Amino acid sequence: MLFRSFSKNGSSSCQNCPQGSVSYDYAQECYLCPPGTYNDVSGLKECIKCSQGDYCPEGAKFFSKCPANYYCENPGLLKDCPPGTYNNGLFNTNLESCLKCPKGEYCSGNGNNKKICRHGSYSDEYGLSECKICPAGYYCEIGTINPIICPKNSYSLVGSVICINCEEDEYTNGPGASGCLDCSTSKFAINNFGCMNVYQK
């Protein structure tokens, strides 16, 4: 291992270049290690090349593994996993290391980790960059894959997390309603099962 010191501004005393930098022949200053290399020992003559799958930005003192949700074809350059994909930070050396986002979650890209769908949204396919809004007549809890239909005589609006029961004088024609209907004056509602003729027992 070769070591080299430098003399700043013509000084007679020599100093070792700090970690992350080197001094070349006859140089009077230190230079940062270029991207893709590192230097973990002060006074080294040459920066050490990073291995495939590592990440070493300019001036790196140590090598590090390519972080999660990126891939590193070149050890000196981070590339984001595209929207709709993610990875766990192991062996991510190319685009193929980015996996499709699971159902019930979304992956926005830009180095962000996958996230579970929030209340009122859902994700029923692999590889989504954002969750879909829960439709009217359904409700969506956190991490929903497929929206859950509201039962008869209840309803929901777009983006709902619960279904709302109809009032006693209201009904729906079936499950999956976006609103309740009023009973006519000759009918009344019993136990939220719908409108019945006033003369029925």
N, C-alpha and C. Protein backbone atom coordinates (compact mmCIF):
# COMPACT_ATOMS: atom_id res chain seq x y z
N MET A 1 0.86 -1.19 0.00
CA MET A 1 0.00 0.00 0.00
C MET A 1 0.89 1.23 0.00
N LEU A 2 0.74 2.10 -0.98
CA LEU A 2 1.58 3.26 -1.12
C LEU A 2 0.97 4.46 -0.39
N PHE A 3 1.83 5.20 0.30
CA PHE A 3 1.39 6.40 1.03
C PHE A 3 2.06 7.62 0.41
N ARG A 4 1.35 8.74 0.46
CA ARG A 4 1.92 9.98 -0.05
C ARG A 4 1.42 11.13 0.80
N SER A 5 2.34 12.03 1.14
CA SER A 5 1.98 13.23 1.88
C SER A 5 2.09 14.42 0.94
N PHE A 6 1.62 15.58 1.40
CA PHE A 6 1.68 16.77 0.55
C PHE A 6 2.20 17.93 1.38
N SER A 7 2.72 18.92 0.68
CA SER A 7 3.24 20.13 1.32
C SER A 7 2.42 21.30 0.83
N LYS A 8 1.70 21.94 1.72
CA LYS A 8 0.78 23.01 1.33
C LYS A 8 1.50 24.35 1.28
N ASN A 9 1.31 25.06 0.16
CA ASN A 9 1.87 26.40 -0.02
C ASN A 9 3.37 26.45 0.21
N GLY A 10 4.06 25.39 -0.24
CA GLY A 10 5.52 25.39 -0.15
C GLY A 10 6.06 25.17 1.25
N SER A 11 5.25 24.75 2.18
CA SER A 11 5.70 24.53 3.55
C SER A 11 6.70 23.39 3.59
N SER A 12 7.63 23.47 4.53
CA SER A 12 8.63 22.42 4.66
C SER A 12 8.08 21.21 5.38
N SER A 13 6.94 21.34 6.05
CA SER A 13 6.34 20.21 6.76
C SER A 13 5.32 19.52 5.86
N CYS A 14 5.33 18.22 5.88
CA CYS A 14 4.42 17.43 5.06
C CYS A 14 3.27 16.91 5.90
N GLN A 15 2.11 16.83 5.27
CA GLN A 15 0.90 16.34 5.94
C GLN A 15 0.27 15.24 5.10
N ASN A 16 -0.34 14.30 5.77
CA ASN A 16 -1.06 13.25 5.06
C ASN A 16 -2.42 13.77 4.59
N CYS A 17 -2.80 13.40 3.39
CA CYS A 17 -4.15 13.73 2.92
C CYS A 17 -5.15 12.95 3.75
N PRO A 18 -6.26 13.58 4.10
CA PRO A 18 -7.25 12.89 4.94
C PRO A 18 -7.98 11.80 4.16
N GLN A 19 -8.75 11.01 4.88
CA GLN A 19 -9.57 9.98 4.25
C GLN A 19 -10.48 10.61 3.19
N GLY A 20 -10.70 9.87 2.12
CA GLY A 20 -11.55 10.36 1.06
C GLY A 20 -10.82 11.23 0.05
N SER A 21 -9.51 11.40 0.20
CA SER A 21 -8.73 12.22 -0.72
C SER A 21 -7.32 11.65 -0.87
N VAL A 22 -6.62 12.11 -1.91
CA VAL A 22 -5.24 11.69 -2.17
C VAL A 22 -4.45 12.88 -2.69
N SER A 23 -3.15 12.75 -2.66
CA SER A 23 -2.26 13.75 -3.25
C SER A 23 -1.45 13.07 -4.34
N TYR A 24 -1.49 13.64 -5.54
CA TYR A 24 -0.75 13.07 -6.66
C TYR A 24 0.68 13.60 -6.66
N ASP A 25 1.50 13.08 -7.57
CA ASP A 25 2.91 13.45 -7.63
C ASP A 25 3.09 14.96 -7.70
N TYR A 26 3.92 15.48 -6.83
CA TYR A 26 4.33 16.90 -6.79
C TYR A 26 3.15 17.85 -6.53
N ALA A 27 2.02 17.31 -6.11
CA ALA A 27 0.88 18.18 -5.84
C ALA A 27 1.04 18.86 -4.49
N GLN A 28 0.50 20.06 -4.39
CA GLN A 28 0.56 20.81 -3.14
C GLN A 28 -0.81 20.86 -2.46
N GLU A 29 -1.68 19.99 -2.89
CA GLU A 29 -2.99 19.92 -2.26
C GLU A 29 -3.56 18.51 -2.43
N CYS A 30 -4.64 18.24 -1.71
CA CYS A 30 -5.30 16.94 -1.79
C CYS A 30 -6.48 17.02 -2.74
N TYR A 31 -6.78 15.91 -3.36
CA TYR A 31 -7.89 15.83 -4.29
C TYR A 31 -8.87 14.76 -3.82
N LEU A 32 -10.15 15.08 -3.92
CA LEU A 32 -11.16 14.12 -3.50
C LEU A 32 -11.12 12.87 -4.37
N CYS A 33 -11.35 11.72 -3.77
CA CYS A 33 -11.44 10.48 -4.55
C CYS A 33 -12.60 10.61 -5.54
N PRO A 34 -12.41 10.23 -6.78
CA PRO A 34 -13.49 10.35 -7.78
C PRO A 34 -14.62 9.37 -7.49
N PRO A 35 -15.81 9.62 -8.04
CA PRO A 35 -16.92 8.69 -7.85
C PRO A 35 -16.54 7.26 -8.25
N GLY A 36 -16.98 6.30 -7.47
CA GLY A 36 -16.66 4.90 -7.74
C GLY A 36 -15.43 4.42 -7.01
N THR A 37 -14.82 5.32 -6.21
CA THR A 37 -13.64 4.95 -5.42
C THR A 37 -13.79 5.49 -4.01
N TYR A 38 -12.91 5.03 -3.11
CA TYR A 38 -12.91 5.53 -1.74
C TYR A 38 -11.50 5.44 -1.16
N ASN A 39 -11.32 6.04 -0.01
CA ASN A 39 -10.03 6.00 0.69
C ASN A 39 -10.31 6.05 2.18
N ASP A 40 -10.08 4.93 2.85
CA ASP A 40 -10.38 4.85 4.29
C ASP A 40 -9.15 5.03 5.17
N VAL A 41 -8.00 5.37 4.55
CA VAL A 41 -6.76 5.57 5.32
C VAL A 41 -6.12 6.88 4.87
N SER A 42 -5.77 7.73 5.80
CA SER A 42 -5.12 8.99 5.44
C SER A 42 -3.73 8.73 4.87
N GLY A 43 -3.34 9.51 3.87
CA GLY A 43 -2.01 9.41 3.30
C GLY A 43 -1.87 8.44 2.15
N LEU A 44 -2.96 7.84 1.68
CA LEU A 44 -2.85 6.90 0.56
C LEU A 44 -2.52 7.64 -0.73
N LYS A 45 -1.75 6.99 -1.58
CA LYS A 45 -1.39 7.58 -2.87
C LYS A 45 -2.52 7.42 -3.88
N GLU A 46 -3.28 6.34 -3.79
CA GLU A 46 -4.33 6.07 -4.75
C GLU A 46 -5.62 5.71 -4.02
N CYS A 47 -6.74 6.10 -4.62
CA CYS A 47 -8.04 5.71 -4.08
C CYS A 47 -8.34 4.27 -4.46
N ILE A 48 -9.13 3.61 -3.66
CA ILE A 48 -9.46 2.20 -3.85
C ILE A 48 -10.75 2.08 -4.65
N LYS A 49 -10.76 1.22 -5.63
CA LYS A 49 -11.94 1.04 -6.48
C LYS A 49 -13.03 0.29 -5.72
N CYS A 50 -14.25 0.77 -5.82
CA CYS A 50 -15.39 0.11 -5.19
C CYS A 50 -15.80 -1.12 -5.99
N SER A 51 -16.35 -2.09 -5.29
CA SER A 51 -16.82 -3.32 -5.94
C SER A 51 -18.20 -3.12 -6.54
N GLN A 52 -18.57 -4.00 -7.45
CA GLN A 52 -19.91 -3.95 -8.04
C GLN A 52 -20.95 -4.18 -6.94
N GLY A 53 -21.99 -3.38 -6.97
CA GLY A 53 -23.02 -3.46 -5.93
C GLY A 53 -22.79 -2.51 -4.78
N ASP A 54 -21.61 -1.86 -4.75
CA ASP A 54 -21.33 -0.85 -3.72
C ASP A 54 -21.64 0.53 -4.29
N TYR A 55 -21.67 1.50 -3.39
CA TYR A 55 -21.88 2.88 -3.81
C TYR A 55 -20.83 3.77 -3.14
N CYS A 56 -20.10 4.49 -3.95
CA CYS A 56 -19.05 5.38 -3.46
C CYS A 56 -19.15 6.71 -4.20
N PRO A 57 -19.74 7.73 -3.58
CA PRO A 57 -19.79 9.05 -4.22
C PRO A 57 -18.41 9.72 -4.17
N GLU A 58 -18.29 10.87 -4.76
CA GLU A 58 -17.03 11.61 -4.74
C GLU A 58 -16.61 11.88 -3.30
N GLY A 59 -15.33 11.65 -3.01
CA GLY A 59 -14.80 11.93 -1.68
C GLY A 59 -15.19 10.90 -0.63
N ALA A 60 -15.59 9.71 -1.06
CA ALA A 60 -16.03 8.68 -0.10
C ALA A 60 -14.87 8.23 0.79
N LYS A 61 -15.15 8.18 2.09
CA LYS A 61 -14.16 7.67 3.04
C LYS A 61 -14.27 6.16 3.19
N PHE A 62 -15.47 5.65 2.96
CA PHE A 62 -15.72 4.22 3.07
C PHE A 62 -16.66 3.81 1.94
N PHE A 63 -16.66 2.53 1.62
CA PHE A 63 -17.64 2.04 0.65
C PHE A 63 -18.90 1.64 1.41
N SER A 64 -20.03 1.70 0.73
CA SER A 64 -21.28 1.26 1.32
C SER A 64 -22.08 0.50 0.27
N LYS A 65 -22.96 -0.36 0.72
CA LYS A 65 -23.79 -1.11 -0.21
C LYS A 65 -24.78 -0.16 -0.89
N CYS A 66 -25.09 -0.44 -2.14
CA CYS A 66 -26.08 0.37 -2.86
C CYS A 66 -27.37 0.35 -2.05
N PRO A 67 -27.92 1.51 -1.68
CA PRO A 67 -29.06 1.54 -0.76
C PRO A 67 -30.35 1.01 -1.40
N ALA A 68 -31.30 0.70 -0.54
CA ALA A 68 -32.59 0.19 -0.98
C ALA A 68 -33.29 1.21 -1.87
N ASN A 69 -34.02 0.70 -2.85
CA ASN A 69 -34.83 1.49 -3.79
C ASN A 69 -33.99 2.25 -4.82
N TYR A 70 -32.73 1.86 -4.92
CA TYR A 70 -31.83 2.32 -5.98
C TYR A 70 -31.13 1.11 -6.58
N TYR A 71 -30.45 1.31 -7.70
CA TYR A 71 -29.55 0.30 -8.22
C TYR A 71 -28.28 0.99 -8.69
N CYS A 72 -27.17 0.24 -8.66
CA CYS A 72 -25.85 0.82 -8.92
C CYS A 72 -25.12 -0.02 -9.97
N GLU A 73 -25.40 0.25 -11.24
CA GLU A 73 -24.61 -0.38 -12.30
C GLU A 73 -23.18 0.13 -12.23
N ASN A 74 -23.03 1.39 -11.90
CA ASN A 74 -21.75 2.04 -11.71
C ASN A 74 -21.64 2.39 -10.22
N PRO A 75 -20.57 1.94 -9.52
CA PRO A 75 -20.46 2.20 -8.08
C PRO A 75 -20.45 3.69 -7.71
N GLY A 76 -20.24 4.55 -8.69
CA GLY A 76 -20.21 5.98 -8.38
C GLY A 76 -21.51 6.69 -8.67
N LEU A 77 -22.55 5.94 -9.07
CA LEU A 77 -23.79 6.59 -9.50
C LEU A 77 -25.01 5.83 -8.99
N LEU A 78 -25.90 6.55 -8.31
CA LEU A 78 -27.17 5.97 -7.86
C LEU A 78 -28.23 6.19 -8.93
N LYS A 79 -29.00 5.14 -9.20
CA LYS A 79 -30.16 5.27 -10.10
C LYS A 79 -31.40 4.83 -9.33
N ASP A 80 -32.46 5.65 -9.42
CA ASP A 80 -33.71 5.33 -8.72
C ASP A 80 -34.40 4.13 -9.37
N CYS A 81 -34.99 3.28 -8.53
CA CYS A 81 -35.94 2.32 -9.07
C CYS A 81 -37.12 3.10 -9.65
N PRO A 82 -37.60 2.76 -10.84
CA PRO A 82 -38.69 3.53 -11.46
C PRO A 82 -39.97 3.47 -10.63
N PRO A 83 -40.86 4.45 -10.80
CA PRO A 83 -42.16 4.39 -10.11
C PRO A 83 -42.86 3.06 -10.38
N GLY A 84 -43.46 2.50 -9.33
CA GLY A 84 -44.12 1.20 -9.44
C GLY A 84 -43.22 0.04 -9.07
N THR A 85 -41.93 0.35 -8.74
CA THR A 85 -40.99 -0.71 -8.36
C THR A 85 -40.23 -0.32 -7.09
N TYR A 86 -39.56 -1.30 -6.51
CA TYR A 86 -38.76 -1.09 -5.29
C TYR A 86 -37.71 -2.20 -5.23
N ASN A 87 -36.76 -2.10 -4.32
CA ASN A 87 -35.92 -3.25 -3.97
C ASN A 87 -35.49 -3.12 -2.51
N ASN A 88 -34.93 -4.21 -1.99
CA ASN A 88 -34.58 -4.25 -0.57
C ASN A 88 -33.13 -3.91 -0.27
N GLY A 89 -32.37 -3.52 -1.29
CA GLY A 89 -30.99 -3.10 -1.06
C GLY A 89 -29.97 -4.21 -1.12
N LEU A 90 -30.34 -5.40 -1.57
CA LEU A 90 -29.39 -6.51 -1.67
C LEU A 90 -29.14 -6.85 -3.14
N PHE A 91 -27.87 -6.80 -3.54
CA PHE A 91 -27.45 -7.18 -4.89
C PHE A 91 -28.16 -6.36 -5.97
N ASN A 92 -28.42 -5.09 -5.68
CA ASN A 92 -29.13 -4.25 -6.65
C ASN A 92 -28.13 -3.56 -7.57
N THR A 93 -27.69 -4.31 -8.57
CA THR A 93 -26.66 -3.81 -9.48
C THR A 93 -27.23 -3.42 -10.84
N ASN A 94 -28.52 -3.66 -11.08
CA ASN A 94 -29.10 -3.32 -12.37
C ASN A 94 -30.59 -3.08 -12.22
N LEU A 95 -31.21 -2.65 -13.30
CA LEU A 95 -32.63 -2.34 -13.28
C LEU A 95 -33.47 -3.56 -12.92
N GLU A 96 -33.01 -4.75 -13.28
CA GLU A 96 -33.77 -5.97 -13.00
C GLU A 96 -33.87 -6.25 -11.50
N SER A 97 -33.05 -5.60 -10.68
CA SER A 97 -33.14 -5.79 -9.23
C SER A 97 -34.32 -5.02 -8.63
N CYS A 98 -34.96 -4.15 -9.42
CA CYS A 98 -36.15 -3.42 -8.96
C CYS A 98 -37.38 -4.29 -9.22
N LEU A 99 -38.12 -4.59 -8.17
CA LEU A 99 -39.25 -5.51 -8.24
C LEU A 99 -40.56 -4.75 -8.34
N LYS A 100 -41.58 -5.38 -8.91
CA LYS A 100 -42.90 -4.75 -8.98
C LYS A 100 -43.50 -4.59 -7.59
N CYS A 101 -44.12 -3.46 -7.37
CA CYS A 101 -44.74 -3.17 -6.08
C CYS A 101 -45.85 -4.20 -5.80
N PRO A 102 -45.98 -4.68 -4.55
CA PRO A 102 -47.03 -5.66 -4.24
C PRO A 102 -48.42 -5.05 -4.26
N LYS A 103 -49.42 -5.89 -4.34
CA LYS A 103 -50.81 -5.44 -4.21
C LYS A 103 -51.04 -4.92 -2.79
N GLY A 104 -51.91 -3.94 -2.67
CA GLY A 104 -52.18 -3.34 -1.36
C GLY A 104 -51.16 -2.29 -0.96
N GLU A 105 -50.16 -2.06 -1.82
CA GLU A 105 -49.12 -1.07 -1.55
C GLU A 105 -48.86 -0.25 -2.81
N TYR A 106 -48.08 0.81 -2.67
CA TYR A 106 -47.69 1.61 -3.83
C TYR A 106 -46.23 2.01 -3.71
N CYS A 107 -45.60 2.23 -4.86
CA CYS A 107 -44.18 2.57 -4.91
C CYS A 107 -44.02 3.80 -5.81
N SER A 108 -43.72 4.93 -5.20
CA SER A 108 -43.69 6.19 -5.94
C SER A 108 -42.38 6.45 -6.67
N GLY A 109 -41.35 5.63 -6.42
CA GLY A 109 -40.05 5.86 -7.05
C GLY A 109 -39.28 6.98 -6.36
N ASN A 110 -38.29 7.55 -7.04
CA ASN A 110 -37.48 8.65 -6.49
C ASN A 110 -36.78 8.25 -5.19
N GLY A 111 -36.44 6.97 -5.06
CA GLY A 111 -35.73 6.50 -3.88
C GLY A 111 -36.61 6.21 -2.69
N ASN A 112 -37.92 6.39 -2.85
CA ASN A 112 -38.84 6.14 -1.75
C ASN A 112 -39.15 4.65 -1.61
N ASN A 113 -39.32 4.21 -0.37
CA ASN A 113 -39.65 2.82 -0.13
C ASN A 113 -41.12 2.56 -0.46
N LYS A 114 -41.48 1.31 -0.62
CA LYS A 114 -42.89 0.97 -0.85
C LYS A 114 -43.70 1.34 0.39
N LYS A 115 -44.96 1.73 0.18
CA LYS A 115 -45.83 2.13 1.28
C LYS A 115 -47.18 1.47 1.13
N ILE A 116 -47.81 1.18 2.27
CA ILE A 116 -49.11 0.54 2.27
C ILE A 116 -50.18 1.57 1.89
N CYS A 117 -51.21 1.11 1.17
CA CYS A 117 -52.29 2.03 0.79
C CYS A 117 -53.00 2.55 2.03
N ARG A 118 -53.33 3.82 2.02
CA ARG A 118 -53.99 4.44 3.16
C ARG A 118 -55.48 4.14 3.16
N HIS A 119 -56.13 4.49 4.29
CA HIS A 119 -57.57 4.36 4.38
C HIS A 119 -58.23 5.11 3.22
N GLY A 120 -59.26 4.50 2.63
CA GLY A 120 -59.98 5.15 1.54
C GLY A 120 -59.35 4.94 0.18
N SER A 121 -58.34 4.07 0.09
CA SER A 121 -57.71 3.78 -1.20
C SER A 121 -57.38 2.29 -1.27
N TYR A 122 -57.00 1.83 -2.46
CA TYR A 122 -56.70 0.41 -2.64
C TYR A 122 -55.73 0.22 -3.79
N SER A 123 -55.15 -0.97 -3.86
CA SER A 123 -54.23 -1.32 -4.94
C SER A 123 -54.48 -2.77 -5.31
N ASP A 124 -55.13 -3.00 -6.45
CA ASP A 124 -55.51 -4.35 -6.85
C ASP A 124 -54.61 -4.93 -7.93
N GLU A 125 -53.48 -4.26 -8.21
CA GLU A 125 -52.54 -4.76 -9.21
C GLU A 125 -51.12 -4.60 -8.71
N TYR A 126 -50.22 -5.38 -9.31
CA TYR A 126 -48.80 -5.22 -9.03
C TYR A 126 -48.26 -4.00 -9.80
N GLY A 127 -47.26 -3.35 -9.22
CA GLY A 127 -46.53 -2.31 -9.95
C GLY A 127 -47.20 -0.96 -10.02
N LEU A 128 -48.04 -0.62 -9.04
CA LEU A 128 -48.68 0.70 -9.05
C LEU A 128 -47.80 1.73 -8.36
N SER A 129 -47.76 2.93 -8.93
CA SER A 129 -46.99 4.02 -8.33
C SER A 129 -47.83 4.83 -7.35
N GLU A 130 -49.14 4.66 -7.38
CA GLU A 130 -50.03 5.29 -6.41
C GLU A 130 -51.29 4.43 -6.27
N CYS A 131 -51.93 4.54 -5.14
CA CYS A 131 -53.13 3.74 -4.90
C CYS A 131 -54.33 4.38 -5.58
N LYS A 132 -55.33 3.55 -5.86
CA LYS A 132 -56.57 4.03 -6.47
C LYS A 132 -57.53 4.49 -5.38
N ILE A 133 -58.38 5.45 -5.71
CA ILE A 133 -59.37 5.95 -4.76
C ILE A 133 -60.54 4.96 -4.67
N CYS A 134 -60.96 4.67 -3.46
CA CYS A 134 -62.07 3.73 -3.26
C CYS A 134 -63.33 4.29 -3.92
N PRO A 135 -64.04 3.48 -4.72
CA PRO A 135 -65.23 3.98 -5.41
C PRO A 135 -66.43 4.10 -4.49
N ALA A 136 -67.41 4.87 -4.89
CA ALA A 136 -68.66 4.99 -4.14
C ALA A 136 -69.36 3.64 -4.10
N GLY A 137 -70.01 3.35 -2.97
CA GLY A 137 -70.68 2.06 -2.80
C GLY A 137 -69.78 1.00 -2.21
N TYR A 138 -68.52 1.36 -1.96
CA TYR A 138 -67.54 0.44 -1.38
C TYR A 138 -66.79 1.17 -0.27
N TYR A 139 -66.06 0.40 0.54
CA TYR A 139 -65.17 1.02 1.52
C TYR A 139 -63.81 0.33 1.49
N CYS A 140 -62.78 1.05 1.87
CA CYS A 140 -61.41 0.55 1.80
C CYS A 140 -60.68 0.86 3.10
N GLU A 141 -60.26 -0.18 3.79
CA GLU A 141 -59.44 -0.02 4.99
C GLU A 141 -57.98 0.10 4.57
N ILE A 142 -57.08 0.28 5.53
CA ILE A 142 -55.66 0.41 5.21
C ILE A 142 -55.15 -0.89 4.59
N GLY A 143 -54.39 -0.77 3.52
CA GLY A 143 -53.82 -1.93 2.84
C GLY A 143 -54.81 -2.74 2.02
N THR A 144 -55.94 -2.16 1.65
CA THR A 144 -56.96 -2.88 0.90
C THR A 144 -56.46 -3.25 -0.50
N ILE A 145 -56.70 -4.49 -0.89
CA ILE A 145 -56.39 -4.92 -2.25
C ILE A 145 -57.62 -4.75 -3.15
N ASN A 146 -58.76 -5.28 -2.73
CA ASN A 146 -60.01 -5.14 -3.47
C ASN A 146 -61.03 -4.41 -2.61
N PRO A 147 -61.67 -3.35 -3.11
CA PRO A 147 -62.67 -2.63 -2.33
C PRO A 147 -63.78 -3.57 -1.83
N ILE A 148 -64.30 -3.27 -0.65
CA ILE A 148 -65.33 -4.10 -0.02
C ILE A 148 -66.69 -3.43 -0.24
N ILE A 149 -67.64 -4.18 -0.81
CA ILE A 149 -68.93 -3.59 -1.16
C ILE A 149 -69.78 -3.33 0.07
N CYS A 150 -70.51 -2.22 0.06
CA CYS A 150 -71.42 -1.90 1.16
C CYS A 150 -72.66 -2.80 1.07
N PRO A 151 -73.14 -3.32 2.19
CA PRO A 151 -74.33 -4.18 2.15
C PRO A 151 -75.59 -3.38 1.83
N LYS A 152 -76.67 -4.10 1.57
CA LYS A 152 -77.96 -3.48 1.27
C LYS A 152 -78.38 -2.54 2.41
N ASN A 153 -79.01 -1.45 2.03
CA ASN A 153 -79.50 -0.43 2.97
C ASN A 153 -78.38 0.28 3.72
N SER A 154 -77.25 0.38 3.08
CA SER A 154 -76.14 1.24 3.53
C SER A 154 -75.50 1.81 2.28
N TYR A 155 -74.65 2.82 2.44
CA TYR A 155 -74.04 3.47 1.28
C TYR A 155 -72.69 4.05 1.66
N SER A 156 -71.95 4.47 0.65
CA SER A 156 -70.68 5.17 0.87
C SER A 156 -70.41 6.09 -0.30
N LEU A 157 -69.60 7.10 -0.06
CA LEU A 157 -69.16 8.02 -1.10
C LEU A 157 -67.75 7.64 -1.54
N VAL A 158 -67.24 8.32 -2.55
CA VAL A 158 -65.89 8.06 -3.05
C VAL A 158 -64.87 8.28 -1.93
N GLY A 159 -63.92 7.34 -1.80
CA GLY A 159 -62.84 7.47 -0.81
C GLY A 159 -63.26 7.13 0.61
N SER A 160 -64.33 6.36 0.77
CA SER A 160 -64.84 6.06 2.11
C SER A 160 -64.05 4.94 2.80
N VAL A 161 -64.06 4.98 4.12
CA VAL A 161 -63.42 3.94 4.93
C VAL A 161 -64.47 3.09 5.64
N ILE A 162 -65.73 3.52 5.64
CA ILE A 162 -66.82 2.77 6.24
C ILE A 162 -68.08 2.96 5.39
N CYS A 163 -69.07 2.10 5.63
CA CYS A 163 -70.39 2.28 5.02
C CYS A 163 -71.33 2.91 6.06
N ILE A 164 -72.24 3.73 5.60
CA ILE A 164 -73.18 4.43 6.47
C ILE A 164 -74.56 3.83 6.30
N ASN A 165 -75.18 3.47 7.40
CA ASN A 165 -76.52 2.88 7.33
C ASN A 165 -77.56 3.93 6.93
N CYS A 166 -78.55 3.48 6.17
CA CYS A 166 -79.66 4.37 5.81
C CYS A 166 -80.50 4.69 7.05
N GLU A 167 -81.19 5.81 7.00
CA GLU A 167 -82.11 6.16 8.08
C GLU A 167 -83.33 5.22 8.04
N GLU A 168 -84.17 5.30 9.08
CA GLU A 168 -85.29 4.38 9.18
C GLU A 168 -86.30 4.54 8.04
N ASP A 169 -86.39 5.74 7.46
CA ASP A 169 -87.33 5.95 6.36
C ASP A 169 -86.62 5.97 5.01
N GLU A 170 -85.49 5.27 4.93
CA GLU A 170 -84.72 5.19 3.69
C GLU A 170 -84.38 3.74 3.38
N TYR A 171 -83.94 3.49 2.14
CA TYR A 171 -83.56 2.14 1.73
C TYR A 171 -82.65 2.23 0.51
N THR A 172 -82.09 1.10 0.10
CA THR A 172 -81.36 0.98 -1.17
C THR A 172 -81.92 -0.20 -1.93
N ASN A 173 -81.72 -0.21 -3.23
CA ASN A 173 -82.22 -1.31 -4.05
C ASN A 173 -81.34 -2.55 -3.98
N GLY A 174 -80.19 -2.42 -3.34
CA GLY A 174 -79.27 -3.55 -3.23
C GLY A 174 -77.94 -3.10 -2.66
N PRO A 175 -76.96 -3.98 -2.60
CA PRO A 175 -75.64 -3.60 -2.10
C PRO A 175 -74.92 -2.67 -3.07
N GLY A 176 -73.87 -1.99 -2.58
CA GLY A 176 -73.04 -1.14 -3.44
C GLY A 176 -73.67 0.19 -3.79
N ALA A 177 -74.52 0.74 -2.92
CA ALA A 177 -75.20 2.01 -3.21
C ALA A 177 -74.33 3.20 -2.84
N SER A 178 -74.52 4.27 -3.58
CA SER A 178 -73.81 5.52 -3.28
C SER A 178 -74.70 6.51 -2.53
N GLY A 179 -75.94 6.10 -2.23
CA GLY A 179 -76.86 6.94 -1.49
C GLY A 179 -78.12 6.16 -1.19
N CYS A 180 -78.94 6.68 -0.28
CA CYS A 180 -80.19 6.02 0.09
C CYS A 180 -81.38 6.70 -0.60
N LEU A 181 -82.46 5.95 -0.76
CA LEU A 181 -83.69 6.44 -1.36
C LEU A 181 -84.74 6.64 -0.27
N ASP A 182 -85.62 7.63 -0.47
CA ASP A 182 -86.69 7.88 0.50
C ASP A 182 -87.86 6.93 0.25
N CYS A 183 -88.45 6.47 1.35
CA CYS A 183 -89.66 5.66 1.23
C CYS A 183 -90.83 6.56 0.84
N SER A 184 -91.79 5.99 0.10
CA SER A 184 -92.97 6.77 -0.27
C SER A 184 -93.87 6.96 0.95
N THR A 185 -94.85 7.83 0.86
CA THR A 185 -95.73 8.12 2.00
C THR A 185 -96.62 6.94 2.38
N SER A 186 -96.81 6.00 1.48
CA SER A 186 -97.66 4.85 1.78
C SER A 186 -96.85 3.66 2.30
N LYS A 187 -95.56 3.87 2.50
CA LYS A 187 -94.70 2.79 2.97
C LYS A 187 -93.85 3.27 4.13
N PHE A 188 -93.27 2.34 4.82
CA PHE A 188 -92.36 2.73 5.90
C PHE A 188 -91.23 1.71 5.96
N ALA A 189 -90.16 2.07 6.64
CA ALA A 189 -89.00 1.19 6.72
C ALA A 189 -88.99 0.45 8.06
N ILE A 190 -88.61 -0.80 8.02
CA ILE A 190 -88.52 -1.60 9.24
C ILE A 190 -87.11 -2.21 9.34
N ASN A 191 -86.41 -1.89 10.43
CA ASN A 191 -85.12 -2.50 10.72
C ASN A 191 -84.13 -2.41 9.55
N ASN A 192 -84.24 -1.34 8.79
CA ASN A 192 -83.32 -1.12 7.68
C ASN A 192 -83.34 -2.23 6.63
N PHE A 193 -84.41 -2.96 6.52
CA PHE A 193 -84.52 -3.98 5.48
C PHE A 193 -85.22 -3.44 4.24
N GLY A 194 -85.60 -2.18 4.23
CA GLY A 194 -86.25 -1.62 3.08
C GLY A 194 -87.63 -1.12 3.41
N CYS A 195 -88.30 -0.53 2.43
CA CYS A 195 -89.63 0.02 2.64
C CYS A 195 -90.68 -1.08 2.49
N MET A 196 -91.62 -1.12 3.40
CA MET A 196 -92.68 -2.11 3.37
C MET A 196 -94.03 -1.40 3.41
N ASN A 197 -95.08 -2.04 2.85
CA ASN A 197 -96.43 -1.45 2.85
C ASN A 197 -96.91 -1.27 4.28
N VAL A 198 -97.52 -0.13 4.55
CA VAL A 198 -97.95 0.20 5.89
C VAL A 198 -98.91 -0.83 6.48
N TYR A 199 -99.60 -1.59 5.58
CA TYR A 199 -100.58 -2.57 6.07
C TYR A 199 -99.95 -3.93 6.29
N GLN A 200 -98.67 -4.07 5.89
CA GLN A 200 -98.03 -5.37 6.11
C GLN A 200 -97.67 -5.55 7.57
N LYS A 201 -97.75 -6.76 8.03
CA LYS A 201 -97.38 -7.09 9.41
C LYS A 201 -96.04 -7.81 9.40
